[in-house]
């Protein structure tokens, strides 16, 4: 299992939090802590690539800030 923390731009409310959490759940990620502006994710890197996570968040209309 790998743990990743990401900063997310464009989140402003609880609806945003739920949208990101839902996108992660659709990938099969059930262990996540989503707050406005950030997310901490634990996932199995043998079945999910980090690029899939970034794409899922960005498809919801948010921007992942690297670094």
PDB file of N, CA and C in Angstrom:
ATOM      1  N   UNK A   1       0.845  -1.183   0.000  1.00  0.00           N
ATOM      2  CA  UNK A   1       0.000   0.000   0.000  1.00  0.00           C
ATOM      3  C   UNK A   1       0.889   1.244   0.000  1.00  0.00           C
ATOM      4  N   UNK A   2       0.416   2.246  -0.702  1.00  0.00           N
ATOM      5  CA  UNK A   2       1.139   3.509  -0.784  1.00  0.00           C
ATOM      6  C   UNK A   2       0.229   4.620  -0.275  1.00  0.00           C
ATOM      7  N   UNK A   3       0.803   5.567   0.446  1.00  0.00           N
ATOM      8  CA  UNK A   3       0.053   6.724   0.918  1.00  0.00           C
ATOM      9  C   UNK A   3       0.556   7.955   0.183  1.00  0.00           C
ATOM     10  N   UNK A   4      -0.373   8.750  -0.332  1.00  0.00           N
ATOM     11  CA  UNK A   4      -0.050   9.960  -1.073  1.00  0.00           C
ATOM     12  C   UNK A   4      -0.892  11.111  -0.558  1.00  0.00           C
ATOM     13  N   UNK A   5      -0.276  12.285  -0.444  1.00  0.00           N
ATOM     14  CA  UNK A   5      -1.005  13.498  -0.100  1.00  0.00           C
ATOM     15  C   UNK A   5      -0.906  14.450  -1.279  1.00  0.00           C
ATOM     16  N   UNK A   6      -2.050  14.995  -1.687  1.00  0.00           N
ATOM     17  CA  UNK A   6      -2.099  15.909  -2.821  1.00  0.00           C
ATOM     18  C   UNK A   6      -2.792  17.202  -2.423  1.00  0.00           C
ATOM     19  N   UNK A   7      -2.326  18.306  -2.995  1.00  0.00           N
ATOM     20  CA  UNK A   7      -3.026  19.579  -2.843  1.00  0.00           C
ATOM     21  C   UNK A   7      -3.912  19.744  -4.071  1.00  0.00           C
ATOM     22  N   UNK A   8      -5.123  20.251  -3.847  1.00  0.00           N
ATOM     23  CA  UNK A   8      -6.086  20.373  -4.938  1.00  0.00           C
ATOM     24  C   UNK A   8      -6.603  21.801  -4.992  1.00  0.00           C
ATOM     25  N   UNK A   9      -6.521  22.402  -6.157  1.00  0.00           N
ATOM     26  CA  UNK A   9      -7.001  23.765  -6.373  1.00  0.00           C
ATOM     27  C   UNK A   9      -8.414  23.724  -6.949  1.00  0.00           C
ATOM     28  N   UNK A  10      -9.257  24.642  -6.506  1.00  0.00           N
ATOM     29  CA  UNK A  10     -10.599  24.763  -7.058  1.00  0.00           C
ATOM     30  C   UNK A  10     -11.692  24.223  -6.165  1.00  0.00           C
ATOM     31  N   UNK A  11     -11.328  23.632  -5.043  1.00  0.00           N
ATOM     32  CA  UNK A  11     -12.333  23.111  -4.113  1.00  0.00           C
ATOM     33  C   UNK A  11     -12.766  24.240  -3.178  1.00  0.00           C
ATOM     34  N   UNK A  12     -14.089  24.359  -2.964  1.00  0.00           N
ATOM     35  CA  UNK A  12     -14.560  25.462  -2.123  1.00  0.00           C
ATOM     36  C   UNK A  12     -15.666  25.081  -1.145  1.00  0.00           C
ATOM     37  N   UNK A  13     -16.174  23.845  -1.227  1.00  0.00           N
ATOM     38  CA  UNK A  13     -17.311  23.501  -0.371  1.00  0.00           C
ATOM     39  C   UNK A  13     -17.381  21.990  -0.147  1.00  0.00           C
ATOM     40  N   UNK A  14     -18.349  21.572   0.644  1.00  0.00           N
ATOM     41  CA  UNK A  14     -18.514  20.144   0.928  1.00  0.00           C
ATOM     42  C   UNK A  14     -18.911  19.348  -0.309  1.00  0.00           C
ATOM     43  N   UNK A  15     -19.603  19.996  -1.250  1.00  0.00           N
ATOM     44  CA  UNK A  15     -19.936  19.317  -2.507  1.00  0.00           C
ATOM     45  C   UNK A  15     -18.651  18.932  -3.248  1.00  0.00           C
ATOM     46  N   UNK A  16     -17.667  19.819  -3.222  1.00  0.00           N
ATOM     47  CA  UNK A  16     -16.373  19.537  -3.849  1.00  0.00           C
ATOM     48  C   UNK A  16     -15.707  18.338  -3.181  1.00  0.00           C
ATOM     49  N   UNK A  17     -15.762  18.306  -1.863  1.00  0.00           N
ATOM     50  CA  UNK A  17     -15.185  17.194  -1.104  1.00  0.00           C
ATOM     51  C   UNK A  17     -15.846  15.882  -1.521  1.00  0.00           C
ATOM     52  N   UNK A  18     -17.163  15.879  -1.602  1.00  0.00           N
ATOM     53  CA  UNK A  18     -17.890  14.664  -1.972  1.00  0.00           C
ATOM     54  C   UNK A  18     -17.590  14.248  -3.415  1.00  0.00           C
ATOM     55  N   UNK A  19     -17.427  15.223  -4.316  1.00  0.00           N
ATOM     56  CA  UNK A  19     -17.121  14.908  -5.713  1.00  0.00           C
ATOM     57  C   UNK A  19     -15.765  14.214  -5.829  1.00  0.00           C
ATOM     58  N   UNK A  20     -14.773  14.718  -5.108  1.00  0.00           N
ATOM     59  CA  UNK A  20     -13.440  14.104  -5.140  1.00  0.00           C
ATOM     60  C   UNK A  20     -13.483  12.722  -4.495  1.00  0.00           C
ATOM     61  N   UNK A  21     -14.152  12.608  -3.362  1.00  0.00           N
ATOM     62  CA  UNK A  21     -14.252  11.314  -2.669  1.00  0.00           C
ATOM     63  C   UNK A  21     -14.940  10.283  -3.570  1.00  0.00           C
ATOM     64  N   UNK A  22     -15.986  10.693  -4.272  1.00  0.00           N
ATOM     65  CA  UNK A  22     -16.702   9.803  -5.178  1.00  0.00           C
ATOM     66  C   UNK A  22     -15.809   9.360  -6.341  1.00  0.00           C
ATOM     67  N   UNK A  23     -15.041  10.296  -6.891  1.00  0.00           N
ATOM     68  CA  UNK A  23     -14.132   9.963  -7.995  1.00  0.00           C
ATOM     69  C   UNK A  23     -13.097   8.936  -7.547  1.00  0.00           C
ATOM     70  N   UNK A  24     -12.606   9.082  -6.321  1.00  0.00           N
ATOM     71  CA  UNK A  24     -11.628   8.132  -5.790  1.00  0.00           C
ATOM     72  C   UNK A  24     -12.265   6.773  -5.540  1.00  0.00           C
ATOM     73  N   UNK A  25     -13.480   6.773  -5.026  1.00  0.00           N
ATOM     74  CA  UNK A  25     -14.182   5.515  -4.777  1.00  0.00           C
ATOM     75  C   UNK A  25     -14.438   4.768  -6.081  1.00  0.00           C
ATOM     76  N   UNK A  26     -14.708   5.513  -7.164  1.00  0.00           N
ATOM     77  CA  UNK A  26     -14.921   4.882  -8.470  1.00  0.00           C
ATOM     78  C   UNK A  26     -13.668   4.161  -8.967  1.00  0.00           C
ATOM     79  N   UNK A  27     -12.500   4.588  -8.484  1.00  0.00           N
ATOM     80  CA  UNK A  27     -11.246   3.906  -8.824  1.00  0.00           C
ATOM     81  C   UNK A  27     -10.994   2.697  -7.930  1.00  0.00           C
ATOM     82  N   UNK A  28     -11.785   2.580  -6.874  1.00  0.00           N
ATOM     83  CA  UNK A  28     -11.589   1.489  -5.929  1.00  0.00           C
ATOM     84  C   UNK A  28     -10.841   1.901  -4.676  1.00  0.00           C
ATOM     85  N   UNK A  29     -10.632   3.208  -4.510  1.00  0.00           N
ATOM     86  CA  UNK A  29      -9.935   3.715  -3.326  1.00  0.00           C
ATOM     87  C   UNK A  29     -10.969   3.978  -2.243  1.00  0.00           C
ATOM     88  N   UNK A  30     -10.887   3.239  -1.168  1.00  0.00           N
ATOM     89  CA  UNK A  30     -11.854   3.400  -0.079  1.00  0.00           C
ATOM     90  C   UNK A  30     -11.245   4.070   1.141  1.00  0.00           C
ATOM     91  N   UNK A  31      -9.920   4.156   1.188  1.00  0.00           N
ATOM     92  CA  UNK A  31      -9.258   4.772   2.327  1.00  0.00           C
ATOM     93  C   UNK A  31      -8.702   6.133   1.915  1.00  0.00           C
ATOM     94  N   UNK A  32      -9.497   7.184   2.125  1.00  0.00           N
ATOM     95  CA  UNK A  32      -9.056   8.530   1.779  1.00  0.00           C
ATOM     96  C   UNK A  32      -9.592   9.528   2.793  1.00  0.00           C
ATOM     97  N   UNK A  33      -8.816  10.579   3.004  1.00  0.00           N
ATOM     98  CA  UNK A  33      -9.233  11.697   3.840  1.00  0.00           C
ATOM     99  C   UNK A  33      -9.264  12.917   2.930  1.00  0.00           C
ATOM    100  N   UNK A  34     -10.465  13.373   2.583  1.00  0.00           N
ATOM    101  CA  UNK A  34     -10.615  14.486   1.659  1.00  0.00           C
ATOM    102  C   UNK A  34     -11.084  15.707   2.437  1.00  0.00           C
ATOM    103  N   UNK A  35     -10.363  16.803   2.285  1.00  0.00           N
ATOM    104  CA  UNK A  35     -10.735  18.087   2.861  1.00  0.00           C
ATOM    105  C   UNK A  35     -10.669  19.117   1.746  1.00  0.00           C
ATOM    106  N   UNK A  36     -11.222  20.290   1.992  1.00  0.00           N
ATOM    107  CA  UNK A  36     -11.154  21.350   0.991  1.00  0.00           C
ATOM    108  C   UNK A  36      -9.683  21.697   0.762  1.00  0.00           C
ATOM    109  N   UNK A  37      -9.229  21.497  -0.458  1.00  0.00           N
ATOM    110  CA  UNK A  37      -7.868  21.847  -0.834  1.00  0.00           C
ATOM    111  C   UNK A  37      -6.822  20.763  -0.686  1.00  0.00           C
ATOM    112  N   UNK A  38      -7.198  19.596  -0.120  1.00  0.00           N
ATOM    113  CA  UNK A  38      -6.190  18.542   0.001  1.00  0.00           C
ATOM    114  C   UNK A  38      -6.841  17.183   0.186  1.00  0.00           C
ATOM    115  N   UNK A  39      -6.049  16.166  -0.122  1.00  0.00           N
ATOM    116  CA  UNK A  39      -6.521  14.792   0.040  1.00  0.00           C
ATOM    117  C   UNK A  39      -5.341  13.907   0.437  1.00  0.00           C
ATOM    118  N   UNK A  40      -5.612  12.973   1.325  1.00  0.00           N
ATOM    119  CA  UNK A  40      -4.636  11.950   1.712  1.00  0.00           C
ATOM    120  C   UNK A  40      -5.244  10.614   1.316  1.00  0.00           C
ATOM    121  N   UNK A  41      -4.503   9.860   0.508  1.00  0.00           N
ATOM    122  CA  UNK A  41      -5.029   8.636  -0.082  1.00  0.00           C
ATOM    123  C   UNK A  41      -4.106   7.468   0.231  1.00  0.00           C
ATOM    124  N   UNK A  42      -4.701   6.340   0.569  1.00  0.00           N
ATOM    125  CA  UNK A  42      -3.950   5.093   0.695  1.00  0.00           C
ATOM    126  C   UNK A  42      -4.490   4.152  -0.375  1.00  0.00           C
ATOM    127  N   UNK A  43      -3.595   3.642  -1.223  1.00  0.00           N
ATOM    128  CA  UNK A  43      -4.046   2.792  -2.324  1.00  0.00           C
ATOM    129  C   UNK A  43      -3.012   1.722  -2.649  1.00  0.00           C
ATOM    130  N   UNK A  44      -3.462   0.710  -3.357  1.00  0.00           N
ATOM    131  CA  UNK A  44      -2.612  -0.396  -3.787  1.00  0.00           C
ATOM    132  C   UNK A  44      -1.983  -0.020  -5.124  1.00  0.00           C
ATOM    133  N   UNK A  45      -0.699   0.308  -5.090  1.00  0.00           N
ATOM    134  CA  UNK A  45      -0.031   0.776  -6.306  1.00  0.00           C
ATOM    135  C   UNK A  45       0.163  -0.317  -7.356  1.00  0.00           C
ATOM    136  N   UNK A  46      -0.118  -1.565  -7.007  1.00  0.00           N
ATOM    137  CA  UNK A  46      -0.035  -2.632  -8.008  1.00  0.00           C
ATOM    138  C   UNK A  46      -1.293  -2.686  -8.873  1.00  0.00           C
ATOM    139  N   UNK A  47      -2.381  -2.046  -8.412  1.00  0.00           N
ATOM    140  CA  UNK A  47      -3.615  -2.057  -9.201  1.00  0.00           C
ATOM    141  C   UNK A  47      -4.075  -0.670  -9.635  1.00  0.00           C
ATOM    142  N   UNK A  48      -3.545   0.385  -9.011  1.00  0.00           N
ATOM    143  CA  UNK A  48      -3.920   1.758  -9.364  1.00  0.00           C
ATOM    144  C   UNK A  48      -2.650   2.584  -9.502  1.00  0.00           C
ATOM    145  N   UNK A  49      -2.538   3.305 -10.613  1.00  0.00           N
ATOM    146  CA  UNK A  49      -1.392   4.186 -10.821  1.00  0.00           C
ATOM    147  C   UNK A  49      -1.749   5.590 -10.352  1.00  0.00           C
ATOM    148  N   UNK A  50      -0.738   6.323  -9.890  1.00  0.00           N
ATOM    149  CA  UNK A  50      -0.987   7.685  -9.416  1.00  0.00           C
ATOM    150  C   UNK A  50      -1.576   8.553 -10.524  1.00  0.00           C
ATOM    151  N   UNK A  51      -1.194   8.311 -11.766  1.00  0.00           N
ATOM    152  CA  UNK A  51      -1.730   9.093 -12.881  1.00  0.00           C
ATOM    153  C   UNK A  51      -3.241   8.911 -13.010  1.00  0.00           C
ATOM    154  N   UNK A  52      -3.754   7.727 -12.662  1.00  0.00           N
ATOM    155  CA  UNK A  52      -5.201   7.489 -12.688  1.00  0.00           C
ATOM    156  C   UNK A  52      -5.901   8.343 -11.626  1.00  0.00           C
ATOM    157  N   UNK A  53      -5.271   8.473 -10.477  1.00  0.00           N
ATOM    158  CA  UNK A  53      -5.834   9.284  -9.393  1.00  0.00           C
ATOM    159  C   UNK A  53      -5.886  10.745  -9.815  1.00  0.00           C
ATOM    160  N   UNK A  54      -4.784  11.240 -10.374  1.00  0.00           N
ATOM    161  CA  UNK A  54      -4.732  12.633 -10.817  1.00  0.00           C
ATOM    162  C   UNK A  54      -5.791  12.898 -11.881  1.00  0.00           C
ATOM    163  N   UNK A  55      -5.924  11.998 -12.831  1.00  0.00           N
ATOM    164  CA  UNK A  55      -6.916  12.161 -13.896  1.00  0.00           C
ATOM    165  C   UNK A  55      -8.335  12.169 -13.347  1.00  0.00           C
ATOM    166  N   UNK A  56      -8.622  11.284 -12.397  1.00  0.00           N
ATOM    167  CA  UNK A  56      -9.968  11.209 -11.818  1.00  0.00           C
ATOM    168  C   UNK A  56     -10.335  12.510 -11.117  1.00  0.00           C
ATOM    169  N   UNK A  57      -9.385  13.095 -10.396  1.00  0.00           N
ATOM    170  CA  UNK A  57      -9.641  14.362  -9.701  1.00  0.00           C
ATOM    171  C   UNK A  57      -9.824  15.482 -10.715  1.00  0.00           C
ATOM    172  N   UNK A  58      -8.965  15.527 -11.722  1.00  0.00           N
ATOM    173  CA  UNK A  58      -9.045  16.585 -12.727  1.00  0.00           C
ATOM    174  C   UNK A  58     -10.302  16.470 -13.582  1.00  0.00           C
ATOM    175  N   UNK A  59     -10.796  15.262 -13.803  1.00  0.00           N
ATOM    176  CA  UNK A  59     -12.040  15.081 -14.554  1.00  0.00           C
ATOM    177  C   UNK A  59     -13.240  15.663 -13.805  1.00  0.00           C
ATOM    178  N   UNK A  60     -13.119  15.815 -12.494  1.00  0.00           N
ATOM    179  CA  UNK A  60     -14.179  16.438 -11.697  1.00  0.00           C
ATOM    180  C   UNK A  60     -14.112  17.962 -11.764  1.00  0.00           C
ATOM    181  N   UNK A  61     -13.082  18.503 -12.417  1.00  0.00           N
ATOM    182  CA  UNK A  61     -12.973  19.943 -12.600  1.00  0.00           C
ATOM    183  C   UNK A  61     -12.010  20.636 -11.655  1.00  0.00           C
ATOM    184  N   UNK A  62     -11.179  19.867 -10.960  1.00  0.00           N
ATOM    185  CA  UNK A  62     -10.217  20.445 -10.025  1.00  0.00           C
ATOM    186  C   UNK A  62      -8.811  20.263 -10.568  1.00  0.00           C
ATOM    187  N   UNK A  63      -7.889  21.048 -10.045  1.00  0.00           N
ATOM    188  CA  UNK A  63      -6.505  20.980 -10.508  1.00  0.00           C
ATOM    189  C   UNK A  63      -5.627  20.467  -9.375  1.00  0.00           C
ATOM    190  N   UNK A  64      -4.874  19.417  -9.654  1.00  0.00           N
ATOM    191  CA  UNK A  64      -3.942  18.870  -8.670  1.00  0.00           C
ATOM    192  C   UNK A  64      -2.652  19.671  -8.757  1.00  0.00           C
ATOM    193  N   UNK A  65      -2.204  20.164  -7.608  1.00  0.00           N
ATOM    194  CA  UNK A  65      -0.978  20.955  -7.534  1.00  0.00           C
ATOM    195  C   UNK A  65       0.157  20.021  -7.142  1.00  0.00           C
ATOM    196  N   UNK A  66       1.125  19.887  -8.010  1.00  0.00           N
ATOM    197  CA  UNK A  66       2.263  18.999  -7.744  1.00  0.00           C
ATOM    198  C   UNK A  66       3.262  19.684  -6.828  1.00  0.00           C
ATOM    199  N   UNK A  67       3.944  18.868  -6.022  1.00  0.00           N
ATOM    200  CA  UNK A  67       5.015  19.385  -5.165  1.00  0.00           C
ATOM    201  C   UNK A  67       4.492  20.032  -4.018  1.00  0.00           C
TER     202      UNK A  67
END
